[in-house]
Every structure is written in structure tokens, then in C-alpha cells.
mmCIF file of all heavy atoms, coordinates in Angstrom:
data_MODEL
# 
_entry.id   MODEL 
# 
loop_
_atom_site.group_PDB 
_atom_site.id 
_atom_site.type_symbol 
_atom_site.label_atom_id 
_atom_site.label_alt_id 
_atom_site.label_comp_id 
_atom_site.label_asym_id 
_atom_site.label_entity_id 
_atom_site.label_seq_id 
_atom_site.pdbx_PDB_ins_code 
_atom_site.Cartn_x 
_atom_site.Cartn_y 
_atom_site.Cartn_z 
_atom_site.occupancy 
_atom_site.B_iso_or_equiv 
_atom_site.pdbx_formal_charge 
_atom_site.auth_seq_id 
_atom_site.auth_comp_id 
_atom_site.auth_asym_id 
_atom_site.auth_atom_id 
_atom_site.pdbx_PDB_model_num 
ATOM 1   N N   . TYR A 1 1  ? 15.388  4.382   3.805   1.00 0.00 ? 1  TYR A N   1 
ATOM 2   C CA  . TYR A 1 1  ? 14.297  5.016   3.065   1.00 0.00 ? 1  TYR A CA  1 
ATOM 3   C C   . TYR A 1 1  ? 13.780  4.181   1.921   1.00 0.00 ? 1  TYR A C   1 
ATOM 4   O O   . TYR A 1 1  ? 12.870  4.578   1.216   1.00 0.00 ? 1  TYR A O   1 
ATOM 5   C CB  . TYR A 1 1  ? 14.776  6.373   2.521   1.00 0.00 ? 1  TYR A CB  1 
ATOM 6   C CG  . TYR A 1 1  ? 15.354  7.256   3.599   1.00 0.00 ? 1  TYR A CG  1 
ATOM 7   C CD1 . TYR A 1 1  ? 16.734  7.389   3.750   1.00 0.00 ? 1  TYR A CD1 1 
ATOM 8   C CD2 . TYR A 1 1  ? 14.527  7.909   4.497   1.00 0.00 ? 1  TYR A CD2 1 
ATOM 9   C CE1 . TYR A 1 1  ? 17.263  8.183   4.762   1.00 0.00 ? 1  TYR A CE1 1 
ATOM 10  C CE2 . TYR A 1 1  ? 15.049  8.716   5.511   1.00 0.00 ? 1  TYR A CE2 1 
ATOM 11  C CZ  . TYR A 1 1  ? 16.421  8.848   5.636   1.00 0.00 ? 1  TYR A CZ  1 
ATOM 12  O OH  . TYR A 1 1  ? 16.921  9.618   6.619   1.00 0.00 ? 1  TYR A OH  1 
ATOM 13  N N   . LEU A 1 2  ? 14.420  3.032   1.699   1.00 0.00 ? 2  LEU A N   1 
ATOM 14  C CA  . LEU A 1 2  ? 14.002  2.181   0.593   1.00 0.00 ? 2  LEU A CA  1 
ATOM 15  C C   . LEU A 1 2  ? 13.028  1.133   1.077   1.00 0.00 ? 2  LEU A C   1 
ATOM 16  O O   . LEU A 1 2  ? 13.145  0.624   2.172   1.00 0.00 ? 2  LEU A O   1 
ATOM 17  C CB  . LEU A 1 2  ? 15.218  1.494   -0.040  1.00 0.00 ? 2  LEU A CB  1 
ATOM 18  C CG  . LEU A 1 2  ? 16.227  2.428   -0.735  1.00 0.00 ? 2  LEU A CG  1 
ATOM 19  C CD1 . LEU A 1 2  ? 17.402  1.615   -1.244  1.00 0.00 ? 2  LEU A CD1 1 
ATOM 20  C CD2 . LEU A 1 2  ? 15.569  3.205   -1.856  1.00 0.00 ? 2  LEU A CD2 1 
ATOM 21  N N   . SER A 1 3  ? 12.064  0.794   0.263   1.00 0.00 ? 3  SER A N   1 
ATOM 22  C CA  . SER A 1 3  ? 11.113  -0.280  0.589   1.00 0.00 ? 3  SER A CA  1 
ATOM 23  C C   . SER A 1 3  ? 10.576  -0.841  -0.696  1.00 0.00 ? 3  SER A C   1 
ATOM 24  O O   . SER A 1 3  ? 10.532  -0.151  -1.704  1.00 0.00 ? 3  SER A O   1 
ATOM 25  C CB  . SER A 1 3  ? 9.964   0.258   1.452   1.00 0.00 ? 3  SER A CB  1 
ATOM 26  O OG  . SER A 1 3  ? 9.237   1.225   0.740   1.00 0.00 ? 3  SER A OG  1 
ATOM 27  N N   . PRO A 1 4  ? 10.175  -2.112  -0.677  1.00 0.00 ? 4  PRO A N   1 
ATOM 28  C CA  . PRO A 1 4  ? 9.615   -2.706  -1.893  1.00 0.00 ? 4  PRO A CA  1 
ATOM 29  C C   . PRO A 1 4  ? 8.357   -1.972  -2.310  1.00 0.00 ? 4  PRO A C   1 
ATOM 30  O O   . PRO A 1 4  ? 7.637   -1.414  -1.488  1.00 0.00 ? 4  PRO A O   1 
ATOM 31  C CB  . PRO A 1 4  ? 9.294   -4.148  -1.451  1.00 0.00 ? 4  PRO A CB  1 
ATOM 32  C CG  . PRO A 1 4  ? 10.111  -4.370  -0.225  1.00 0.00 ? 4  PRO A CG  1 
ATOM 33  C CD  . PRO A 1 4  ? 10.248  -3.043  0.432   1.00 0.00 ? 4  PRO A CD  1 
ATOM 34  N N   . LEU A 1 5  ? 8.089   -1.965  -3.580  1.00 0.00 ? 5  LEU A N   1 
ATOM 35  C CA  . LEU A 1 5  ? 6.862   -1.350  -4.085  1.00 0.00 ? 5  LEU A CA  1 
ATOM 36  C C   . LEU A 1 5  ? 5.658   -2.152  -3.637  1.00 0.00 ? 5  LEU A C   1 
ATOM 37  O O   . LEU A 1 5  ? 5.725   -3.360  -3.517  1.00 0.00 ? 5  LEU A O   1 
ATOM 38  C CB  . LEU A 1 5  ? 6.887   -1.299  -5.622  1.00 0.00 ? 5  LEU A CB  1 
ATOM 39  C CG  . LEU A 1 5  ? 7.922   -0.329  -6.217  1.00 0.00 ? 5  LEU A CG  1 
ATOM 40  C CD1 . LEU A 1 5  ? 7.926   -0.473  -7.716  1.00 0.00 ? 5  LEU A CD1 1 
ATOM 41  C CD2 . LEU A 1 5  ? 7.637   1.104   -5.818  1.00 0.00 ? 5  LEU A CD2 1 
ATOM 42  N N   . PRO A 1 6  ? 4.550   -1.495  -3.350  1.00 0.00 ? 6  PRO A N   1 
ATOM 43  C CA  . PRO A 1 6  ? 3.350   -2.225  -2.945  1.00 0.00 ? 6  PRO A CA  1 
ATOM 44  C C   . PRO A 1 6  ? 2.794   -3.063  -4.072  1.00 0.00 ? 6  PRO A C   1 
ATOM 45  O O   . PRO A 1 6  ? 2.989   -2.761  -5.245  1.00 0.00 ? 6  PRO A O   1 
ATOM 46  C CB  . PRO A 1 6  ? 2.372   -1.116  -2.551  1.00 0.00 ? 6  PRO A CB  1 
ATOM 47  C CG  . PRO A 1 6  ? 2.846   0.086   -3.313  1.00 0.00 ? 6  PRO A CG  1 
ATOM 48  C CD  . PRO A 1 6  ? 4.326   -0.046  -3.389  1.00 0.00 ? 6  PRO A CD  1 
ATOM 49  N N   . ILE A 1 7  ? 2.131   -4.135  -3.680  1.00 0.00 ? 7  ILE A N   1 
ATOM 50  C CA  . ILE A 1 7  ? 1.475   -5.010  -4.647  1.00 0.00 ? 7  ILE A CA  1 
ATOM 51  C C   . ILE A 1 7  ? 0.058   -4.509  -4.836  1.00 0.00 ? 7  ILE A C   1 
ATOM 52  O O   . ILE A 1 7  ? -0.671  -4.317  -3.879  1.00 0.00 ? 7  ILE A O   1 
ATOM 53  C CB  . ILE A 1 7  ? 1.459   -6.454  -4.146  1.00 0.00 ? 7  ILE A CB  1 
ATOM 54  C CG1 . ILE A 1 7  ? 2.900   -6.935  -3.924  1.00 0.00 ? 7  ILE A CG1 1 
ATOM 55  C CG2 . ILE A 1 7  ? 0.741   -7.373  -5.132  1.00 0.00 ? 7  ILE A CG2 1 
ATOM 56  C CD1 . ILE A 1 7  ? 2.973   -8.253  -3.184  1.00 0.00 ? 7  ILE A CD1 1 
ATOM 57  N N   . VAL A 1 8  ? -0.345  -4.270  -6.048  1.00 0.00 ? 8  VAL A N   1 
ATOM 58  C CA  . VAL A 1 8  ? -1.673  -3.722  -6.314  1.00 0.00 ? 8  VAL A CA  1 
ATOM 59  C C   . VAL A 1 8  ? -2.577  -4.804  -6.875  1.00 0.00 ? 8  VAL A C   1 
ATOM 60  O O   . VAL A 1 8  ? -2.263  -5.449  -7.860  1.00 0.00 ? 8  VAL A O   1 
ATOM 61  C CB  . VAL A 1 8  ? -1.590  -2.549  -7.314  1.00 0.00 ? 8  VAL A CB  1 
ATOM 62  C CG1 . VAL A 1 8  ? -2.983  -1.995  -7.577  1.00 0.00 ? 8  VAL A CG1 1 
ATOM 63  C CG2 . VAL A 1 8  ? -0.689  -1.459  -6.766  1.00 0.00 ? 8  VAL A CG2 1 
ATOM 64  N N   . GLU A 1 9  ? -3.709  -5.016  -6.186  1.00 0.00 ? 9  GLU A N   1 
ATOM 65  C CA  . GLU A 1 9  ? -4.687  -5.986  -6.636  1.00 0.00 ? 9  GLU A CA  1 
ATOM 66  C C   . GLU A 1 9  ? -5.921  -5.220  -7.094  1.00 0.00 ? 9  GLU A C   1 
ATOM 67  O O   . GLU A 1 9  ? -6.475  -4.427  -6.339  1.00 0.00 ? 9  GLU A O   1 
ATOM 68  C CB  . GLU A 1 9  ? -5.070  -6.932  -5.508  1.00 0.00 ? 9  GLU A CB  1 
ATOM 69  C CG  . GLU A 1 9  ? -3.895  -7.673  -4.939  1.00 0.00 ? 9  GLU A CG  1 
ATOM 70  C CD  . GLU A 1 9  ? -4.272  -8.406  -3.669  1.00 0.00 ? 9  GLU A CD  1 
ATOM 71  O OE1 . GLU A 1 9  ? -5.465  -8.410  -3.325  1.00 0.00 ? 9  GLU A OE1 1 
ATOM 72  O OE2 . GLU A 1 9  ? -3.377  -8.961  -3.048  1.00 0.00 ? 9  GLU A OE2 1 
ATOM 73  N N   . MET A 1 10 ? -6.359  -5.429  -8.299  1.00 0.00 ? 10 MET A N   1 
ATOM 74  C CA  . MET A 1 10 ? -7.510  -4.693  -8.814  1.00 0.00 ? 10 MET A CA  1 
ATOM 75  C C   . MET A 1 10 ? -8.724  -5.602  -8.847  1.00 0.00 ? 10 MET A C   1 
ATOM 76  O O   . MET A 1 10 ? -8.652  -6.731  -9.282  1.00 0.00 ? 10 MET A O   1 
ATOM 77  C CB  . MET A 1 10 ? -7.228  -4.172  -10.221 1.00 0.00 ? 10 MET A CB  1 
ATOM 78  C CG  . MET A 1 10 ? -8.405  -3.404  -10.834 1.00 0.00 ? 10 MET A CG  1 
ATOM 79  S SD  . MET A 1 10 ? -8.017  -2.732  -12.451 1.00 0.00 ? 10 MET A SD  1 
ATOM 80  C CE  . MET A 1 10 ? -6.865  -1.462  -12.011 1.00 0.00 ? 10 MET A CE  1 
ATOM 81  N N   . GLN A 1 11 ? -9.846  -5.085  -8.337  1.00 0.00 ? 11 GLN A N   1 
ATOM 82  C CA  . GLN A 1 11 ? -11.098 -5.830  -8.351  1.00 0.00 ? 11 GLN A CA  1 
ATOM 83  C C   . GLN A 1 11 ? -12.179 -4.909  -8.870  1.00 0.00 ? 11 GLN A C   1 
ATOM 84  O O   . GLN A 1 11 ? -12.363 -3.804  -8.366  1.00 0.00 ? 11 GLN A O   1 
ATOM 85  C CB  . GLN A 1 11 ? -11.441 -6.321  -6.952  1.00 0.00 ? 11 GLN A CB  1 
ATOM 86  C CG  . GLN A 1 11 ? -10.430 -7.321  -6.435  1.00 0.00 ? 11 GLN A CG  1 
ATOM 87  C CD  . GLN A 1 11 ? -10.616 -7.588  -4.964  1.00 0.00 ? 11 GLN A CD  1 
ATOM 88  O OE1 . GLN A 1 11 ? -11.086 -6.737  -4.240  1.00 0.00 ? 11 GLN A OE1 1 
ATOM 89  N NE2 . GLN A 1 11 ? -10.245 -8.767  -4.527  1.00 0.00 ? 11 GLN A NE2 1 
ATOM 90  N N   . LEU A 1 12 ? -12.901 -5.347  -9.858  1.00 0.00 ? 12 LEU A N   1 
ATOM 91  C CA  . LEU A 1 12 ? -13.967 -4.539  -10.444 1.00 0.00 ? 12 LEU A CA  1 
ATOM 92  C C   . LEU A 1 12 ? -15.277 -4.907  -9.797  1.00 0.00 ? 12 LEU A C   1 
ATOM 93  O O   . LEU A 1 12 ? -15.664 -6.060  -9.743  1.00 0.00 ? 12 LEU A O   1 
ATOM 94  C CB  . LEU A 1 12 ? -14.054 -4.798  -11.951 1.00 0.00 ? 12 LEU A CB  1 
ATOM 95  C CG  . LEU A 1 12 ? -15.141 -4.002  -12.693 1.00 0.00 ? 12 LEU A CG  1 
ATOM 96  C CD1 . LEU A 1 12 ? -14.868 -2.507  -12.548 1.00 0.00 ? 12 LEU A CD1 1 
ATOM 97  C CD2 . LEU A 1 12 ? -15.162 -4.399  -14.153 1.00 0.00 ? 12 LEU A CD2 1 
ATOM 98  N N   . SER A 1 13 ? -15.971 -3.914  -9.280  1.00 0.00 ? 13 SER A N   1 
ATOM 99  C CA  . SER A 1 13 ? -17.228 -4.132  -8.595  1.00 0.00 ? 13 SER A CA  1 
ATOM 100 C C   . SER A 1 13 ? -18.354 -3.494  -9.365  1.00 0.00 ? 13 SER A C   1 
ATOM 101 O O   . SER A 1 13 ? -18.234 -2.385  -9.864  1.00 0.00 ? 13 SER A O   1 
ATOM 102 C CB  . SER A 1 13 ? -17.177 -3.541  -7.190  1.00 0.00 ? 13 SER A CB  1 
ATOM 103 O OG  . SER A 1 13 ? -18.472 -3.402  -6.681  1.00 0.00 ? 13 SER A OG  1 
ATOM 104 N N   . VAL A 1 14 ? -19.480 -4.195  -9.434  1.00 0.00 ? 14 VAL A N   1 
ATOM 105 C CA  . VAL A 1 14 ? -20.657 -3.647  -10.091 1.00 0.00 ? 14 VAL A CA  1 
ATOM 106 C C   . VAL A 1 14 ? -21.406 -2.719  -9.149  1.00 0.00 ? 14 VAL A C   1 
ATOM 107 O O   . VAL A 1 14 ? -22.270 -1.973  -9.551  1.00 0.00 ? 14 VAL A O   1 
ATOM 108 C CB  . VAL A 1 14 ? -21.575 -4.791  -10.563 1.00 0.00 ? 14 VAL A CB  1 
ATOM 109 C CG1 . VAL A 1 14 ? -22.787 -4.253  -11.282 1.00 0.00 ? 14 VAL A CG1 1 
ATOM 110 C CG2 . VAL A 1 14 ? -20.810 -5.723  -11.478 1.00 0.00 ? 14 VAL A CG2 1 
ATOM 111 N N   . ASP A 1 15 ? -21.060 -2.739  -7.858  1.00 0.00 ? 15 ASP A N   1 
ATOM 112 C CA  . ASP A 1 15 ? -21.786 -1.950  -6.870  1.00 0.00 ? 15 ASP A CA  1 
ATOM 113 C C   . ASP A 1 15 ? -21.556 -0.466  -7.097  1.00 0.00 ? 15 ASP A C   1 
ATOM 114 O O   . ASP A 1 15 ? -20.546 0.092   -6.740  1.00 0.00 ? 15 ASP A O   1 
ATOM 115 C CB  . ASP A 1 15 ? -21.321 -2.349  -5.471  1.00 0.00 ? 15 ASP A CB  1 
ATOM 116 C CG  . ASP A 1 15 ? -22.005 -1.536  -4.395  1.00 0.00 ? 15 ASP A CG  1 
ATOM 117 O OD1 . ASP A 1 15 ? -23.113 -1.058  -4.665  1.00 0.00 ? 15 ASP A OD1 1 
ATOM 118 O OD2 . ASP A 1 15 ? -21.431 -1.408  -3.314  1.00 0.00 ? 15 ASP A OD2 1 
ATOM 119 N N   . ALA A 1 16 ? -22.544 0.214   -7.691  1.00 0.00 ? 16 ALA A N   1 
ATOM 120 C CA  . ALA A 1 16 ? -22.530 1.655   -7.908  1.00 0.00 ? 16 ALA A CA  1 
ATOM 121 C C   . ALA A 1 16 ? -21.314 2.106   -8.708  1.00 0.00 ? 16 ALA A C   1 
ATOM 122 O O   . ALA A 1 16 ? -20.885 3.245   -8.630  1.00 0.00 ? 16 ALA A O   1 
ATOM 123 C CB  . ALA A 1 16 ? -22.585 2.398   -6.584  1.00 0.00 ? 16 ALA A CB  1 
ATOM 124 N N   . GLY A 1 17 ? -20.771 1.218   -9.543  1.00 0.00 ? 17 GLY A N   1 
ATOM 125 C CA  . GLY A 1 17 ? -19.684 1.601   -10.422 1.00 0.00 ? 17 GLY A CA  1 
ATOM 126 C C   . GLY A 1 17 ? -18.388 1.914   -9.715  1.00 0.00 ? 17 GLY A C   1 
ATOM 127 O O   . GLY A 1 17 ? -17.636 2.772   -10.139 1.00 0.00 ? 17 GLY A O   1 
ATOM 128 N N   . LEU A 1 18 ? -18.087 1.249   -8.617  1.00 0.00 ? 18 LEU A N   1 
ATOM 129 C CA  . LEU A 1 18 ? -16.871 1.533   -7.871  1.00 0.00 ? 18 LEU A CA  1 
ATOM 130 C C   . LEU A 1 18 ? -15.762 0.581   -8.295  1.00 0.00 ? 18 LEU A C   1 
ATOM 131 O O   . LEU A 1 18 ? -15.974 -0.610  -8.412  1.00 0.00 ? 18 LEU A O   1 
ATOM 132 C CB  . LEU A 1 18 ? -17.114 1.373   -6.360  1.00 0.00 ? 18 LEU A CB  1 
ATOM 133 C CG  . LEU A 1 18 ? -18.184 2.282   -5.764  1.00 0.00 ? 18 LEU A CG  1 
ATOM 134 C CD1 . LEU A 1 18 ? -18.301 1.999   -4.273  1.00 0.00 ? 18 LEU A CD1 1 
ATOM 135 C CD2 . LEU A 1 18 ? -17.835 3.731   -5.980  1.00 0.00 ? 18 LEU A CD2 1 
ATOM 136 N N   . ARG A 1 19 ? -14.569 1.127   -8.495  1.00 0.00 ? 19 ARG A N   1 
ATOM 137 C CA  . ARG A 1 19 ? -13.402 0.290   -8.774  1.00 0.00 ? 19 ARG A CA  1 
ATOM 138 C C   . ARG A 1 19 ? -12.530 0.287   -7.539  1.00 0.00 ? 19 ARG A C   1 
ATOM 139 O O   . ARG A 1 19 ? -12.147 1.336   -7.037  1.00 0.00 ? 19 ARG A O   1 
ATOM 140 C CB  . ARG A 1 19 ? -12.632 0.824   -9.978  1.00 0.00 ? 19 ARG A CB  1 
ATOM 141 C CG  . ARG A 1 19 ? -11.537 -0.113  -10.461 1.00 0.00 ? 19 ARG A CG  1 
ATOM 142 C CD  . ARG A 1 19 ? -10.811 0.486   -11.638 1.00 0.00 ? 19 ARG A CD  1 
ATOM 143 N NE  . ARG A 1 19 ? -11.684 0.720   -12.754 1.00 0.00 ? 19 ARG A NE  1 
ATOM 144 C CZ  . ARG A 1 19 ? -11.959 -0.166  -13.687 1.00 0.00 ? 19 ARG A CZ  1 
ATOM 145 N NH1 . ARG A 1 19 ? -11.426 -1.355  -13.622 1.00 0.00 ? 19 ARG A NH1 1 
ATOM 146 N NH2 . ARG A 1 19 ? -12.751 0.127   -14.688 1.00 0.00 ? 19 ARG A NH2 1 
ATOM 147 N N   . MET A 1 20 ? -12.242 -0.911  -7.007  1.00 0.00 ? 20 MET A N   1 
ATOM 148 C CA  . MET A 1 20 ? -11.496 -1.014  -5.758  1.00 0.00 ? 20 MET A CA  1 
ATOM 149 C C   . MET A 1 20 ? -10.048 -1.389  -6.066  1.00 0.00 ? 20 MET A C   1 
ATOM 150 O O   . MET A 1 20 ? -9.795  -2.347  -6.790  1.00 0.00 ? 20 MET A O   1 
ATOM 151 C CB  . MET A 1 20 ? -12.107 -2.093  -4.854  1.00 0.00 ? 20 MET A CB  1 
ATOM 152 C CG  . MET A 1 20 ? -13.588 -1.967  -4.627  1.00 0.00 ? 20 MET A CG  1 
ATOM 153 S SD  . MET A 1 20 ? -13.998 -0.822  -3.331  1.00 0.00 ? 20 MET A SD  1 
ATOM 154 C CE  . MET A 1 20 ? -13.267 -1.658  -1.940  1.00 0.00 ? 20 MET A CE  1 
ATOM 155 N N   . LEU A 1 21 ? -9.105  -0.657  -5.523  1.00 0.00 ? 21 LEU A N   1 
ATOM 156 C CA  . LEU A 1 21 ? -7.694  -1.001  -5.617  1.00 0.00 ? 21 LEU A CA  1 
ATOM 157 C C   . LEU A 1 21 ? -7.190  -1.315  -4.218  1.00 0.00 ? 21 LEU A C   1 
ATOM 158 O O   . LEU A 1 21 ? -7.153  -0.442  -3.356  1.00 0.00 ? 21 LEU A O   1 
ATOM 159 C CB  . LEU A 1 21 ? -6.878  0.161   -6.194  1.00 0.00 ? 21 LEU A CB  1 
ATOM 160 C CG  . LEU A 1 21 ? -7.209  0.576   -7.630  1.00 0.00 ? 21 LEU A CG  1 
ATOM 161 C CD1 . LEU A 1 21 ? -6.330  1.742   -8.010  1.00 0.00 ? 21 LEU A CD1 1 
ATOM 162 C CD2 . LEU A 1 21 ? -7.006  -0.567  -8.585  1.00 0.00 ? 21 LEU A CD2 1 
ATOM 163 N N   . LYS A 1 22 ? -6.840  -2.548  -3.971  1.00 0.00 ? 22 LYS A N   1 
ATOM 164 C CA  . LYS A 1 22 ? -6.336  -2.936  -2.646  1.00 0.00 ? 22 LYS A CA  1 
ATOM 165 C C   . LYS A 1 22 ? -4.813  -2.930  -2.702  1.00 0.00 ? 22 LYS A C   1 
ATOM 166 O O   . LYS A 1 22 ? -4.210  -3.666  -3.469  1.00 0.00 ? 22 LYS A O   1 
ATOM 167 C CB  . LYS A 1 22 ? -6.841  -4.322  -2.261  1.00 0.00 ? 22 LYS A CB  1 
ATOM 168 C CG  . LYS A 1 22 ? -6.315  -4.772  -0.902  1.00 0.00 ? 22 LYS A CG  1 
ATOM 169 C CD  . LYS A 1 22 ? -6.846  -6.144  -0.559  1.00 0.00 ? 22 LYS A CD  1 
ATOM 170 C CE  . LYS A 1 22 ? -6.304  -6.614  0.772   1.00 0.00 ? 22 LYS A CE  1 
ATOM 171 N NZ  . LYS A 1 22 ? -6.747  -7.962  1.101   1.00 0.00 ? 22 LYS A NZ  1 
ATOM 172 N N   . ILE A 1 23 ? -4.188  -2.091  -1.872  1.00 0.00 ? 23 ILE A N   1 
ATOM 173 C CA  . ILE A 1 23 ? -2.737  -1.966  -1.864  1.00 0.00 ? 23 ILE A CA  1 
ATOM 174 C C   . ILE A 1 23 ? -2.191  -2.718  -0.662  1.00 0.00 ? 23 ILE A C   1 
ATOM 175 O O   . ILE A 1 23 ? -2.522  -2.411  0.474   1.00 0.00 ? 23 ILE A O   1 
ATOM 176 C CB  . ILE A 1 23 ? -2.322  -0.493  -1.822  1.00 0.00 ? 23 ILE A CB  1 
ATOM 177 C CG1 . ILE A 1 23 ? -2.871  0.224   -3.066  1.00 0.00 ? 23 ILE A CG1 1 
ATOM 178 C CG2 . ILE A 1 23 ? -0.816  -0.365  -1.736  1.00 0.00 ? 23 ILE A CG2 1 
ATOM 179 C CD1 . ILE A 1 23 ? -2.461  1.664   -3.149  1.00 0.00 ? 23 ILE A CD1 1 
ATOM 180 N N   . THR A 1 24 ? -1.378  -3.712  -0.920  1.00 0.00 ? 24 THR A N   1 
ATOM 181 C CA  . THR A 1 24 ? -0.854  -4.578  0.140   1.00 0.00 ? 24 THR A CA  1 
ATOM 182 C C   . THR A 1 24 ? 0.658   -4.474  0.175   1.00 0.00 ? 24 THR A C   1 
ATOM 183 O O   . THR A 1 24 ? 1.309   -4.628  -0.855  1.00 0.00 ? 24 THR A O   1 
ATOM 184 C CB  . THR A 1 24 ? -1.261  -6.034  -0.115  1.00 0.00 ? 24 THR A CB  1 
ATOM 185 O OG1 . THR A 1 24 ? -2.667  -6.084  -0.310  1.00 0.00 ? 24 THR A OG1 1 
ATOM 186 C CG2 . THR A 1 24 ? -0.847  -6.906  1.056   1.00 0.00 ? 24 THR A CG2 1 
ATOM 187 N N   . GLU A 1 25 ? 1.221   -4.241  1.333   1.00 0.00 ? 25 GLU A N   1 
ATOM 188 C CA  . GLU A 1 25 ? 2.657   -4.184  1.456   1.00 0.00 ? 25 GLU A CA  1 
ATOM 189 C C   . GLU A 1 25 ? 3.224   -5.594  1.527   1.00 0.00 ? 25 GLU A C   1 
ATOM 190 O O   . GLU A 1 25 ? 2.644   -6.466  2.170   1.00 0.00 ? 25 GLU A O   1 
ATOM 191 C CB  . GLU A 1 25 ? 3.065   -3.390  2.704   1.00 0.00 ? 25 GLU A CB  1 
ATOM 192 C CG  . GLU A 1 25 ? 2.539   -1.972  2.677   1.00 0.00 ? 25 GLU A CG  1 
ATOM 193 C CD  . GLU A 1 25 ? 3.450   -1.035  3.442   1.00 0.00 ? 25 GLU A CD  1 
ATOM 194 O OE1 . GLU A 1 25 ? 4.488   -1.496  3.941   1.00 0.00 ? 25 GLU A OE1 1 
ATOM 195 O OE2 . GLU A 1 25 ? 3.119   0.129   3.515   1.00 0.00 ? 25 GLU A OE2 1 
ATOM 196 N N   . PRO A 1 26 ? 4.358   -5.848  0.867   1.00 0.00 ? 26 PRO A N   1 
ATOM 197 C CA  . PRO A 1 26 ? 4.955   -7.190  0.874   1.00 0.00 ? 26 PRO A CA  1 
ATOM 198 C C   . PRO A 1 26 ? 5.299   -7.643  2.278   1.00 0.00 ? 26 PRO A C   1 
ATOM 199 O O   . PRO A 1 26 ? 5.550   -6.843  3.171   1.00 0.00 ? 26 PRO A O   1 
ATOM 200 C CB  . PRO A 1 26 ? 6.222   -7.002  0.012   1.00 0.00 ? 26 PRO A CB  1 
ATOM 201 C CG  . PRO A 1 26 ? 5.949   -5.778  -0.807  1.00 0.00 ? 26 PRO A CG  1 
ATOM 202 C CD  . PRO A 1 26 ? 5.092   -4.899  0.035   1.00 0.00 ? 26 PRO A CD  1 
ATOM 203 N N   . GLN A 1 27 ? 5.340   -8.970  2.469   1.00 0.00 ? 27 GLN A N   1 
ATOM 204 C CA  . GLN A 1 27 ? 5.609   -9.563  3.776   1.00 0.00 ? 27 GLN A CA  1 
ATOM 205 C C   . GLN A 1 27 ? 6.962   -9.142  4.322   1.00 0.00 ? 27 GLN A C   1 
ATOM 206 O O   . GLN A 1 27 ? 7.125   -8.925  5.508   1.00 0.00 ? 27 GLN A O   1 
ATOM 207 C CB  . GLN A 1 27 ? 5.525   -11.090 3.658   1.00 0.00 ? 27 GLN A CB  1 
ATOM 208 C CG  . GLN A 1 27 ? 5.619   -11.809 4.984   1.00 0.00 ? 27 GLN A CG  1 
ATOM 209 C CD  . GLN A 1 27 ? 4.395   -11.567 5.824   1.00 0.00 ? 27 GLN A CD  1 
ATOM 210 O OE1 . GLN A 1 27 ? 3.342   -11.285 5.296   1.00 0.00 ? 27 GLN A OE1 1 
ATOM 211 N NE2 . GLN A 1 27 ? 4.549   -11.643 7.137   1.00 0.00 ? 27 GLN A NE2 1 
# 
């Protein structure tokens, strides 16, 4: 039941004020 925490990459977009959070699981 254990797994590494996801890596969170934050990218700020000017498109209509959207903030994108890309969650990637470690290799």
C-alpha cells in the first residue's frame, strides 16, 4: 500500500487565468 509521493510540477498559464498542476508518478 506504500508508494512514493507524486512529483508536482506547477506551470502558470495566462490562458484564461488557469493554473495547471501536472502530477507525475516517479519512475
